[in-house]
Amino acid sequence: DATEEVARLTQEGLVAMDKENASFDVLVDDCALGEAYGITTPECLDAIRSTASLEGIFLDPVYSGKAMAGLISHTQQGLVGPDEIVVFVHTGGLPLLFAYADAFQS
């Protein structure tokens, strides 16, 4: 189960930082998946553009762009509050932007 795996990895990270008593919540949600793996969504492309222009961070259109789209959606819906701490793990993927260049032409 993905939630259990993310919780396990989070706990390991907290132990490594001597913060093993810190509390945390894990939410695994596929709301931003779209039609299928590898197929971009308008929300994903918007999230990539926004994150690049506002933060100078480039996200890929397969994983991190969709994850950011989901995070943006959650904040807009009030599922993530303004006082909550969110850790967004960016795992790379910059080369994928070139493979999806046509999607950014609009």
PDB file of N, CA and C in Angstrom:
ATOM      1  N   ASP A   1       0.843  -1.183   0.000  1.00  0.00           N
ATOM      2  CA  ASP A   1       0.000   0.000   0.000  1.00  0.00           C
ATOM      3  C   ASP A   1       0.892   1.251   0.000  1.00  0.00           C
ATOM      4  N   ALA A   2       0.590   2.183  -0.876  1.00  0.00           N
ATOM      5  CA  ALA A   2       1.415   3.384  -1.032  1.00  0.00           C
ATOM      6  C   ALA A   2       1.431   4.240   0.230  1.00  0.00           C
ATOM      7  N   THR A   3       0.309   4.345   0.909  1.00  0.00           N
ATOM      8  CA  THR A   3       0.264   5.165   2.124  1.00  0.00           C
ATOM      9  C   THR A   3       1.205   4.608   3.188  1.00  0.00           C
ATOM     10  N   GLU A   4       1.199   3.299   3.362  1.00  0.00           N
ATOM     11  CA  GLU A   4       2.095   2.669   4.337  1.00  0.00           C
ATOM     12  C   GLU A   4       3.559   2.870   3.965  1.00  0.00           C
ATOM     13  N   GLU A   5       3.876   2.767   2.686  1.00  0.00           N
ATOM     14  CA  GLU A   5       5.261   2.940   2.238  1.00  0.00           C
ATOM     15  C   GLU A   5       5.729   4.385   2.451  1.00  0.00           C
ATOM     16  N   VAL A   6       4.891   5.345   2.125  1.00  0.00           N
ATOM     17  CA  VAL A   6       5.257   6.747   2.331  1.00  0.00           C
ATOM     18  C   VAL A   6       5.413   7.034   3.822  1.00  0.00           C
ATOM     19  N   ALA A   7       4.541   6.494   4.648  1.00  0.00           N
ATOM     20  CA  ALA A   7       4.649   6.687   6.100  1.00  0.00           C
ATOM     21  C   ALA A   7       5.947   6.068   6.628  1.00  0.00           C
ATOM     22  N   ARG A   8       6.291   4.891   6.132  1.00  0.00           N
ATOM     23  CA  ARG A   8       7.528   4.230   6.559  1.00  0.00           C
ATOM     24  C   ARG A   8       8.744   5.069   6.184  1.00  0.00           C
ATOM     25  N   LEU A   9       8.786   5.538   4.956  1.00  0.00           N
ATOM     26  CA  LEU A   9       9.916   6.350   4.505  1.00  0.00           C
ATOM     27  C   LEU A   9       9.991   7.673   5.257  1.00  0.00           C
ATOM     28  N   THR A  10       8.843   8.260   5.546  1.00  0.00           N
ATOM     29  CA  THR A  10       8.812   9.508   6.315  1.00  0.00           C
ATOM     30  C   THR A  10       9.358   9.281   7.707  1.00  0.00           C
ATOM     31  N   GLN A  11       8.933   8.209   8.345  1.00  0.00           N
ATOM     32  CA  GLN A  11       9.420   7.893   9.688  1.00  0.00           C
ATOM     33  C   GLN A  11      10.927   7.664   9.681  1.00  0.00           C
ATOM     34  N   GLU A  12      11.431   6.967   8.674  1.00  0.00           N
ATOM     35  CA  GLU A  12      12.878   6.759   8.565  1.00  0.00           C
ATOM     36  C   GLU A  12      13.616   8.089   8.440  1.00  0.00           C
ATOM     37  N   GLY A  13      13.069   9.001   7.656  1.00  0.00           N
ATOM     38  CA  GLY A  13      13.681  10.317   7.510  1.00  0.00           C
ATOM     39  C   GLY A  13      13.683  11.092   8.804  1.00  0.00           C
ATOM     40  N   LEU A  14      12.584  11.012   9.545  1.00  0.00           N
ATOM     41  CA  LEU A  14      12.502  11.703  10.833  1.00  0.00           C
ATOM     42  C   LEU A  14      13.503  11.130  11.832  1.00  0.00           C
ATOM     43  N   VAL A  15      13.667   9.819  11.829  1.00  0.00           N
ATOM     44  CA  VAL A  15      14.648   9.184  12.712  1.00  0.00           C
ATOM     45  C   VAL A  15      16.051   9.678  12.349  1.00  0.00           C
ATOM     46  N   ALA A  16      16.346   9.750  11.063  1.00  0.00           N
ATOM     47  CA  ALA A  16      17.666  10.199  10.618  1.00  0.00           C
ATOM     48  C   ALA A  16      17.944  11.640  11.036  1.00  0.00           C
ATOM     49  N   MET A  17      16.892  12.432  11.220  1.00  0.00           N
ATOM     50  CA  MET A  17      17.050  13.831  11.639  1.00  0.00           C
ATOM     51  C   MET A  17      16.845  14.010  13.143  1.00  0.00           C
ATOM     52  N   ASP A  18      16.805  12.898  13.870  1.00  0.00           N
ATOM     53  CA  ASP A  18      16.550  12.930  15.323  1.00  0.00           C
ATOM     54  C   ASP A  18      15.229  13.608  15.658  1.00  0.00           C
ATOM     55  N   LYS A  19      14.221  13.392  14.820  1.00  0.00           N
ATOM     56  CA  LYS A  19      12.884  13.971  15.019  1.00  0.00           C
ATOM     57  C   LYS A  19      11.831  12.863  15.047  1.00  0.00           C
ATOM     58  N   GLU A  20      12.229  11.665  15.525  1.00  0.00           N
ATOM     59  CA  GLU A  20      11.330  10.508  15.433  1.00  0.00           C
ATOM     60  C   GLU A  20      10.015  10.672  16.174  1.00  0.00           C
ATOM     61  N   ASN A  21       9.907  11.648  17.083  1.00  0.00           N
ATOM     62  CA  ASN A  21       8.662  11.856  17.813  1.00  0.00           C
ATOM     63  C   ASN A  21       7.734  12.864  17.132  1.00  0.00           C
ATOM     64  N   ALA A  22       8.152  13.393  15.988  1.00  0.00           N
ATOM     65  CA  ALA A  22       7.321  14.359  15.264  1.00  0.00           C
ATOM     66  C   ALA A  22       6.084  13.656  14.712  1.00  0.00           C
ATOM     67  N   SER A  23       4.988  14.357  14.734  1.00  0.00           N
ATOM     68  CA  SER A  23       3.768  13.768  14.170  1.00  0.00           C
ATOM     69  C   SER A  23       3.627  14.220  12.714  1.00  0.00           C
ATOM     70  N   PHE A  24       2.992  13.393  11.915  1.00  0.00           N
ATOM     71  CA  PHE A  24       2.778  13.720  10.513  1.00  0.00           C
ATOM     72  C   PHE A  24       1.586  12.936   9.993  1.00  0.00           C
ATOM     73  N   ASP A  25       1.006  13.450   8.944  1.00  0.00           N
ATOM     74  CA  ASP A  25      -0.078  12.773   8.249  1.00  0.00           C
ATOM     75  C   ASP A  25       0.378  12.482   6.830  1.00  0.00           C
ATOM     76  N   VAL A  26      -0.041  11.376   6.295  1.00  0.00           N
ATOM     77  CA  VAL A  26       0.279  11.004   4.926  1.00  0.00           C
ATOM     78  C   VAL A  26      -1.031  10.861   4.162  1.00  0.00           C
ATOM     79  N   LEU A  27      -1.086  11.519   3.006  1.00  0.00           N
ATOM     80  CA  LEU A  27      -2.246  11.398   2.132  1.00  0.00           C
ATOM     81  C   LEU A  27      -1.737  11.007   0.754  1.00  0.00           C
ATOM     82  N   VAL A  28      -2.156   9.870   0.264  1.00  0.00           N
ATOM     83  CA  VAL A  28      -1.833   9.439  -1.092  1.00  0.00           C
ATOM     84  C   VAL A  28      -3.123   9.549  -1.890  1.00  0.00           C
ATOM     85  N   ASP A  29      -3.083  10.364  -2.932  1.00  0.00           N
ATOM     86  CA  ASP A  29      -4.296  10.688  -3.679  1.00  0.00           C
ATOM     87  C   ASP A  29      -3.958  10.726  -5.164  1.00  0.00           C
ATOM     88  N   ASP A  30      -4.741  10.064  -5.990  1.00  0.00           N
ATOM     89  CA  ASP A  30      -4.470  10.060  -7.423  1.00  0.00           C
ATOM     90  C   ASP A  30      -5.411  10.987  -8.198  1.00  0.00           C
ATOM     91  N   CYS A  31      -5.908  12.026  -7.538  1.00  0.00           N
ATOM     92  CA  CYS A  31      -6.875  12.932  -8.161  1.00  0.00           C
ATOM     93  C   CYS A  31      -6.324  13.638  -9.394  1.00  0.00           C
ATOM     94  N   ALA A  32      -5.016  13.783  -9.497  1.00  0.00           N
ATOM     95  CA  ALA A  32      -4.425  14.515 -10.617  1.00  0.00           C
ATOM     96  C   ALA A  32      -3.859  13.600 -11.693  1.00  0.00           C
ATOM     97  N   LEU A  33      -4.123  12.307 -11.595  1.00  0.00           N
ATOM     98  CA  LEU A  33      -3.587  11.349 -12.560  1.00  0.00           C
ATOM     99  C   LEU A  33      -4.032  11.654 -13.982  1.00  0.00           C
ATOM    100  N   GLY A  34      -5.276  12.029 -14.135  1.00  0.00           N
ATOM    101  CA  GLY A  34      -5.797  12.277 -15.477  1.00  0.00           C
ATOM    102  C   GLY A  34      -6.183  10.992 -16.156  1.00  0.00           C
ATOM    103  N   GLU A  35      -6.169  11.044 -17.487  1.00  0.00           N
ATOM    104  CA  GLU A  35      -6.608   9.909 -18.293  1.00  0.00           C
ATOM    105  C   GLU A  35      -5.745   8.668 -18.084  1.00  0.00           C
ATOM    106  N   ALA A  36      -4.432   8.884 -18.009  1.00  0.00           N
ATOM    107  CA  ALA A  36      -3.528   7.745 -17.849  1.00  0.00           C
ATOM    108  C   ALA A  36      -2.106   8.236 -17.603  1.00  0.00           C
ATOM    109  N   TYR A  37      -1.257   7.308 -17.222  1.00  0.00           N
ATOM    110  CA  TYR A  37       0.159   7.568 -17.039  1.00  0.00           C
ATOM    111  C   TYR A  37       0.749   8.124 -18.335  1.00  0.00           C
ATOM    112  N   GLY A  38       1.550   9.157 -18.214  1.00  0.00           N
ATOM    113  CA  GLY A  38       2.242   9.701 -19.374  1.00  0.00           C
ATOM    114  C   GLY A  38       1.430  10.635 -20.239  1.00  0.00           C
ATOM    115  N   ILE A  39       0.149  10.793 -19.933  1.00  0.00           N
ATOM    116  CA  ILE A  39      -0.710  11.717 -20.688  1.00  0.00           C
ATOM    117  C   ILE A  39      -0.922  12.952 -19.826  1.00  0.00           C
ATOM    118  N   THR A  40      -0.492  14.100 -20.335  1.00  0.00           N
ATOM    119  CA  THR A  40      -0.597  15.328 -19.549  1.00  0.00           C
ATOM    120  C   THR A  40      -2.051  15.762 -19.403  1.00  0.00           C
ATOM    121  N   THR A  41      -2.263  16.618 -18.437  1.00  0.00           N
ATOM    122  CA  THR A  41      -3.573  17.235 -18.235  1.00  0.00           C
ATOM    123  C   THR A  41      -3.385  18.747 -18.283  1.00  0.00           C
ATOM    124  N   PRO A  42      -4.435  19.494 -18.573  1.00  0.00           N
ATOM    125  CA  PRO A  42      -4.309  20.957 -18.552  1.00  0.00           C
ATOM    126  C   PRO A  42      -3.850  21.474 -17.190  1.00  0.00           C
ATOM    127  N   GLU A  43      -4.328  20.843 -16.119  1.00  0.00           N
ATOM    128  CA  GLU A  43      -3.939  21.256 -14.772  1.00  0.00           C
ATOM    129  C   GLU A  43      -2.453  21.015 -14.524  1.00  0.00           C
ATOM    130  N   CYS A  44      -1.955  19.902 -15.036  1.00  0.00           N
ATOM    131  CA  CYS A  44      -0.532  19.581 -14.914  1.00  0.00           C
ATOM    132  C   CYS A  44       0.309  20.626 -15.635  1.00  0.00           C
ATOM    133  N   LEU A  45      -0.059  20.950 -16.860  1.00  0.00           N
ATOM    134  CA  LEU A  45       0.700  21.938 -17.628  1.00  0.00           C
ATOM    135  C   LEU A  45       0.663  23.304 -16.952  1.00  0.00           C
ATOM    136  N   ASP A  46      -0.493  23.668 -16.411  1.00  0.00           N
ATOM    137  CA  ASP A  46      -0.597  24.936 -15.678  1.00  0.00           C
ATOM    138  C   ASP A  46       0.297  24.927 -14.440  1.00  0.00           C
ATOM    139  N   ALA A  47       0.322  23.817 -13.735  1.00  0.00           N
ATOM    140  CA  ALA A  47       1.158  23.703 -12.536  1.00  0.00           C
ATOM    141  C   ALA A  47       2.640  23.811 -12.893  1.00  0.00           C
ATOM    142  N   ILE A  48       3.032  23.193 -14.000  1.00  0.00           N
ATOM    143  CA  ILE A  48       4.428  23.271 -14.442  1.00  0.00           C
ATOM    144  C   ILE A  48       4.794  24.710 -14.781  1.00  0.00           C
ATOM    145  N   ARG A  49       3.926  25.375 -15.543  1.00  0.00           N
ATOM    146  CA  ARG A  49       4.190  26.771 -15.918  1.00  0.00           C
ATOM    147  C   ARG A  49       4.249  27.674 -14.682  1.00  0.00           C
ATOM    148  N   SER A  50       3.291  27.510 -13.785  1.00  0.00           N
ATOM    149  CA  SER A  50       3.239  28.356 -12.589  1.00  0.00           C
ATOM    150  C   SER A  50       4.453  28.153 -11.698  1.00  0.00           C
ATOM    151  N   THR A  51       4.817  26.904 -11.469  1.00  0.00           N
ATOM    152  CA  THR A  51       5.953  26.615 -10.595  1.00  0.00           C
ATOM    153  C   THR A  51       7.249  27.128 -11.214  1.00  0.00           C
ATOM    154  N   ALA A  52       7.380  27.003 -12.519  1.00  0.00           N
ATOM    155  CA  ALA A  52       8.587  27.498 -13.193  1.00  0.00           C
ATOM    156  C   ALA A  52       8.658  29.020 -13.125  1.00  0.00           C
ATOM    157  N   SER A  53       7.536  29.689 -13.377  1.00  0.00           N
ATOM    158  CA  SER A  53       7.572  31.155 -13.408  1.00  0.00           C
ATOM    159  C   SER A  53       7.627  31.771 -12.017  1.00  0.00           C
ATOM    160  N   LEU A  54       6.984  31.153 -11.038  1.00  0.00           N
ATOM    161  CA  LEU A  54       6.959  31.719  -9.685  1.00  0.00           C
ATOM    162  C   LEU A  54       8.152  31.312  -8.834  1.00  0.00           C
ATOM    163  N   GLU A  55       8.647  30.095  -9.033  1.00  0.00           N
ATOM    164  CA  GLU A  55       9.696  29.562  -8.160  1.00  0.00           C
ATOM    165  C   GLU A  55      10.994  29.199  -8.875  1.00  0.00           C
ATOM    166  N   GLY A  56      10.969  29.173 -10.211  1.00  0.00           N
ATOM    167  CA  GLY A  56      12.167  28.766 -10.943  1.00  0.00           C
ATOM    168  C   GLY A  56      12.457  27.286 -10.816  1.00  0.00           C
ATOM    169  N   ILE A  57      11.410  26.505 -10.544  1.00  0.00           N
ATOM    170  CA  ILE A  57      11.550  25.058 -10.389  1.00  0.00           C
ATOM    171  C   ILE A  57      10.843  24.393 -11.570  1.00  0.00           C
ATOM    172  N   PHE A  58      11.551  23.506 -12.237  1.00  0.00           N
ATOM    173  CA  PHE A  58      10.987  22.826 -13.395  1.00  0.00           C
ATOM    174  C   PHE A  58      10.511  21.431 -13.002  1.00  0.00           C
ATOM    175  N   LEU A  59       9.255  21.174 -13.250  1.00  0.00           N
ATOM    176  CA  LEU A  59       8.629  19.895 -12.938  1.00  0.00           C
ATOM    177  C   LEU A  59       8.397  19.121 -14.228  1.00  0.00           C
ATOM    178  N   ASP A  60       8.368  17.810 -14.134  1.00  0.00           N
ATOM    179  CA  ASP A  60       8.117  17.015 -15.329  1.00  0.00           C
ATOM    180  C   ASP A  60       6.618  16.771 -15.492  1.00  0.00           C
ATOM    181  N   PRO A  61       6.164  16.492 -16.722  1.00  0.00           N
ATOM    182  CA  PRO A  61       4.744  16.316 -16.992  1.00  0.00           C
ATOM    183  C   PRO A  61       4.195  14.926 -16.691  1.00  0.00           C
ATOM    184  N   VAL A  62       5.023  14.016 -16.193  1.00  0.00           N
ATOM    185  CA  VAL A  62       4.551  12.662 -15.910  1.00  0.00           C
ATOM    186  C   VAL A  62       4.290  12.475 -14.415  1.00  0.00           C
ATOM    187  N   TYR A  63       5.218  12.924 -13.576  1.00  0.00           N
ATOM    188  CA  TYR A  63       5.092  12.703 -12.136  1.00  0.00           C
ATOM    189  C   TYR A  63       4.908  14.006 -11.358  1.00  0.00           C
ATOM    190  N   SER A  64       5.976  14.777 -11.255  1.00  0.00           N
ATOM    191  CA  SER A  64       5.947  15.926 -10.338  1.00  0.00           C
ATOM    192  C   SER A  64       4.978  17.018 -10.788  1.00  0.00           C
ATOM    193  N   GLY A  65       4.784  17.183 -12.089  1.00  0.00           N
ATOM    194  CA  GLY A  65       3.811  18.171 -12.562  1.00  0.00           C
ATOM    195  C   GLY A  65       2.401  17.798 -12.147  1.00  0.00           C
ATOM    196  N   LYS A  66       2.068  16.518 -12.257  1.00  0.00           N
ATOM    197  CA  LYS A  66       0.742  16.069 -11.833  1.00  0.00           C
ATOM    198  C   LYS A  66       0.599  16.146 -10.319  1.00  0.00           C
ATOM    199  N   ALA A  67       1.691  15.842  -9.595  1.00  0.00           N
ATOM    200  CA  ALA A  67       1.643  15.936  -8.131  1.00  0.00           C
ATOM    201  C   ALA A  67       1.423  17.381  -7.698  1.00  0.00           C
ATOM    202  N   MET A  68       2.093  18.329  -8.356  1.00  0.00           N
ATOM    203  CA  MET A  68       1.901  19.738  -8.022  1.00  0.00           C
ATOM    204  C   MET A  68       0.485  20.186  -8.376  1.00  0.00           C
ATOM    205  N   ALA A  69      -0.048  19.705  -9.481  1.00  0.00           N
ATOM    206  CA  ALA A  69      -1.429  20.022  -9.845  1.00  0.00           C
ATOM    207  C   ALA A  69      -2.384  19.545  -8.755  1.00  0.00           C
ATOM    208  N   GLY A  70      -2.124  18.351  -8.221  1.00  0.00           N
ATOM    209  CA  GLY A  70      -2.946  17.834  -7.126  1.00  0.00           C
ATOM    210  C   GLY A  70      -2.817  18.677  -5.875  1.00  0.00           C
ATOM    211  N   LEU A  71      -1.595  19.102  -5.555  1.00  0.00           N
ATOM    212  CA  LEU A  71      -1.378  19.947  -4.381  1.00  0.00           C
ATOM    213  C   LEU A  71      -2.084  21.286  -4.539  1.00  0.00           C
ATOM    214  N   ILE A  72      -1.979  21.879  -5.709  1.00  0.00           N
ATOM    215  CA  ILE A  72      -2.670  23.146  -5.966  1.00  0.00           C
ATOM    216  C   ILE A  72      -4.174  22.962  -5.813  1.00  0.00           C
ATOM    217  N   SER A  73      -4.701  21.877  -6.354  1.00  0.00           N
ATOM    218  CA  SER A  73      -6.131  21.585  -6.225  1.00  0.00           C
ATOM    219  C   SER A  73      -6.541  21.446  -4.764  1.00  0.00           C
ATOM    220  N   HIS A  74      -5.725  20.759  -3.995  1.00  0.00           N
ATOM    221  CA  HIS A  74      -6.035  20.563  -2.575  1.00  0.00           C
ATOM    222  C   HIS A  74      -6.041  21.888  -1.814  1.00  0.00           C
ATOM    223  N   THR A  75      -5.116  22.778  -2.154  1.00  0.00           N
ATOM    224  CA  THR A  75      -5.113  24.084  -1.470  1.00  0.00           C
ATOM    225  C   THR A  75      -6.323  24.907  -1.890  1.00  0.00           C
ATOM    226  N   GLN A  76      -6.683  24.859  -3.153  1.00  0.00           N
ATOM    227  CA  GLN A  76      -7.845  25.606  -3.636  1.00  0.00           C
ATOM    228  C   GLN A  76      -9.141  25.096  -3.006  1.00  0.00           C
ATOM    229  N   GLN A  77      -9.196  23.807  -2.723  1.00  0.00           N
ATOM    230  CA  GLN A  77     -10.389  23.212  -2.111  1.00  0.00           C
ATOM    231  C   GLN A  77     -10.402  23.358  -0.587  1.00  0.00           C
ATOM    232  N   GLY A  78      -9.323  23.883  -0.037  1.00  0.00           N
ATOM    233  CA  GLY A  78      -9.236  24.024   1.412  1.00  0.00           C
ATOM    234  C   GLY A  78      -8.842  22.752   2.130  1.00  0.00           C
ATOM    235  N   LEU A  79      -8.411  21.735   1.382  1.00  0.00           N
ATOM    236  CA  LEU A  79      -7.983  20.487   2.002  1.00  0.00           C
ATOM    237  C   LEU A  79      -6.617  20.630   2.655  1.00  0.00           C
ATOM    238  N   VAL A  80      -5.838  21.603   2.199  1.00  0.00           N
ATOM    239  CA  VAL A  80      -4.559  21.953   2.806  1.00  0.00           C
ATOM    240  C   VAL A  80      -4.688  23.400   3.243  1.00  0.00           C
ATOM    241  N   GLY A  81      -4.571  23.619   4.538  1.00  0.00           N
ATOM    242  CA  GLY A  81      -4.753  24.949   5.086  1.00  0.00           C
ATOM    243  C   GLY A  81      -3.504  25.804   4.996  1.00  0.00           C
ATOM    244  N   PRO A  82      -3.668  27.120   5.122  1.00  0.00           N
ATOM    245  CA  PRO A  82      -2.531  28.034   5.007  1.00  0.00           C
ATOM    246  C   PRO A  82      -1.498  27.878   6.119  1.00  0.00           C
ATOM    247  N   ASP A  83      -1.865  27.285   7.240  1.00  0.00           N
ATOM    248  CA  ASP A  83      -0.923  27.098   8.345  1.00  0.00           C
ATOM    249  C   ASP A  83      -0.289  25.715   8.362  1.00  0.00           C
ATOM    250  N   GLU A  84      -0.646  24.877   7.392  1.00  0.00           N
ATOM    251  CA  GLU A  84      -0.100  23.527   7.364  1.00  0.00           C
ATOM    252  C   GLU A  84       1.244  23.504   6.642  1.00  0.00           C
ATOM    253  N   ILE A  85       2.104  22.628   7.082  1.00  0.00           N
ATOM    254  CA  ILE A  85       3.409  22.455   6.444  1.00  0.00           C
ATOM    255  C   ILE A  85       3.286  21.306   5.450  1.00  0.00           C
ATOM    256  N   VAL A  86       3.674  21.580   4.229  1.00  0.00           N
ATOM    257  CA  VAL A  86       3.646  20.570   3.175  1.00  0.00           C
ATOM    258  C   VAL A  86       5.072  20.348   2.698  1.00  0.00           C
ATOM    259  N   VAL A  87       5.466  19.102   2.593  1.00  0.00           N
ATOM    260  CA  VAL A  87       6.770  18.764   2.033  1.00  0.00           C
ATOM    261  C   VAL A  87       6.510  18.175   0.654  1.00  0.00           C
ATOM    262  N   PHE A  88       6.964  18.878  -0.362  1.00  0.00           N
ATOM    263  CA  PHE A  88       6.814  18.410  -1.739  1.00  0.00           C
ATOM    264  C   PHE A  88       8.164  17.869  -2.183  1.00  0.00           C
ATOM    265  N   VAL A  89       8.219  16.600  -2.498  1.00  0.00           N
ATOM    266  CA  VAL A  89       9.474  15.967  -2.894  1.00  0.00           C
ATOM    267  C   VAL A  89       9.572  15.984  -4.414  1.00  0.00           C
ATOM    268  N   HIS A  90      10.525  16.771  -4.899  1.00  0.00           N
ATOM    269  CA  HIS A  90      10.764  16.890  -6.338  1.00  0.00           C
ATOM    270  C   HIS A  90      11.864  15.898  -6.699  1.00  0.00           C
ATOM    271  N   THR A  91      11.523  14.906  -7.486  1.00  0.00           N
ATOM    272  CA  THR A  91      12.473  13.826  -7.778  1.00  0.00           C
ATOM    273  C   THR A  91      13.172  13.978  -9.118  1.00  0.00           C
ATOM    274  N   GLY A  92      13.034  15.125  -9.747  1.00  0.00           N
ATOM    275  CA  GLY A  92      13.717  15.346 -11.020  1.00  0.00           C
ATOM    276  C   GLY A  92      12.773  15.229 -12.187  1.00  0.00           C
ATOM    277  N   GLY A  93      13.311  14.912 -13.330  1.00  0.00           N
ATOM    278  CA  GLY A  93      12.489  14.728 -14.514  1.00  0.00           C
ATOM    279  C   GLY A  93      12.606  15.824 -15.541  1.00  0.00           C
ATOM    280  N   LEU A  94      13.530  16.763 -15.359  1.00  0.00           N
ATOM    281  CA  LEU A  94      13.687  17.864 -16.310  1.00  0.00           C
ATOM    282  C   LEU A  94      13.791  17.397 -17.760  1.00  0.00           C
ATOM    283  N   PRO A  95      14.546  16.326 -18.071  1.00  0.00           N
ATOM    284  CA  PRO A  95      14.627  15.908 -19.476  1.00  0.00           C
ATOM    285  C   PRO A  95      13.273  15.575 -20.100  1.00  0.00           C
ATOM    286  N   LEU A  96      12.308  15.167 -19.284  1.00  0.00           N
ATOM    287  CA  LEU A  96      10.988  14.846 -19.838  1.00  0.00           C
ATOM    288  C   LEU A  96      10.294  16.075 -20.413  1.00  0.00           C
ATOM    289  N   LEU A  97      10.641  17.259 -19.938  1.00  0.00           N
ATOM    290  CA  LEU A  97      10.038  18.469 -20.497  1.00  0.00           C
ATOM    291  C   LEU A  97      10.286  18.554 -21.997  1.00  0.00           C
ATOM    292  N   PHE A  98      11.464  18.142 -22.431  1.00  0.00           N
ATOM    293  CA  PHE A  98      11.800  18.203 -23.847  1.00  0.00           C
ATOM    294  C   PHE A  98      10.991  17.192 -24.649  1.00  0.00           C
ATOM    295  N   ALA A  99      10.718  16.053 -24.075  1.00  0.00           N
ATOM    296  CA  ALA A  99       9.924  15.029 -24.760  1.00  0.00           C
ATOM    297  C   ALA A  99       8.471  15.465 -24.930  1.00  0.00           C
ATOM    298  N   TYR A 100       8.014  16.381 -24.065  1.00  0.00           N
ATOM    299  CA  TYR A 100       6.632  16.851 -24.106  1.00  0.00           C
ATOM    300  C   TYR A 100       6.554  18.304 -24.588  1.00  0.00           C
ATOM    301  N   ALA A 101       7.545  18.751 -25.329  1.00  0.00           N
ATOM    302  CA  ALA A 101       7.615  20.149 -25.763  1.00  0.00           C
ATOM    303  C   ALA A 101       6.360  20.596 -26.506  1.00  0.00           C
ATOM    304  N   ASP A 102       5.799  19.735 -27.322  1.00  0.00           N
ATOM    305  CA  ASP A 102       4.589  20.118 -28.077  1.00  0.00           C
ATOM    306  C   ASP A 102       3.423  20.477 -27.167  1.00  0.00           C
ATOM    307  N   ALA A 103       3.348  19.881 -25.996  1.00  0.00           N
ATOM    308  CA  ALA A 103       2.244  20.161 -25.072  1.00  0.00           C
ATOM    309  C   ALA A 103       2.314  21.587 -24.549  1.00  0.00           C
ATOM    310  N   PHE A 104       3.495  22.193 -24.601  1.00  0.00           N
ATOM    311  CA  PHE A 104       3.662  23.545 -24.074  1.00  0.00           C
ATOM    312  C   PHE A 104       3.551  24.622 -25.155  1.00  0.00           C
ATOM    313  N   GLN A 105       3.213  24.242 -26.361  1.00  0.00           N
ATOM    314  CA  GLN A 105       3.136  25.194 -27.454  1.00  0.00           C
ATOM    315  C   GLN A 105       1.867  26.049 -27.428  1.00  0.00           C
ATOM    316  N   SER A 106       0.849  25.619 -26.703  1.00  0.00           N
ATOM    317  CA  SER A 106      -0.415  26.376 -26.684  1.00  0.00           C
ATOM    318  C   SER A 106      -0.325  27.594 -25.808  1.00  0.00           C
TER     319      SER A 106
END
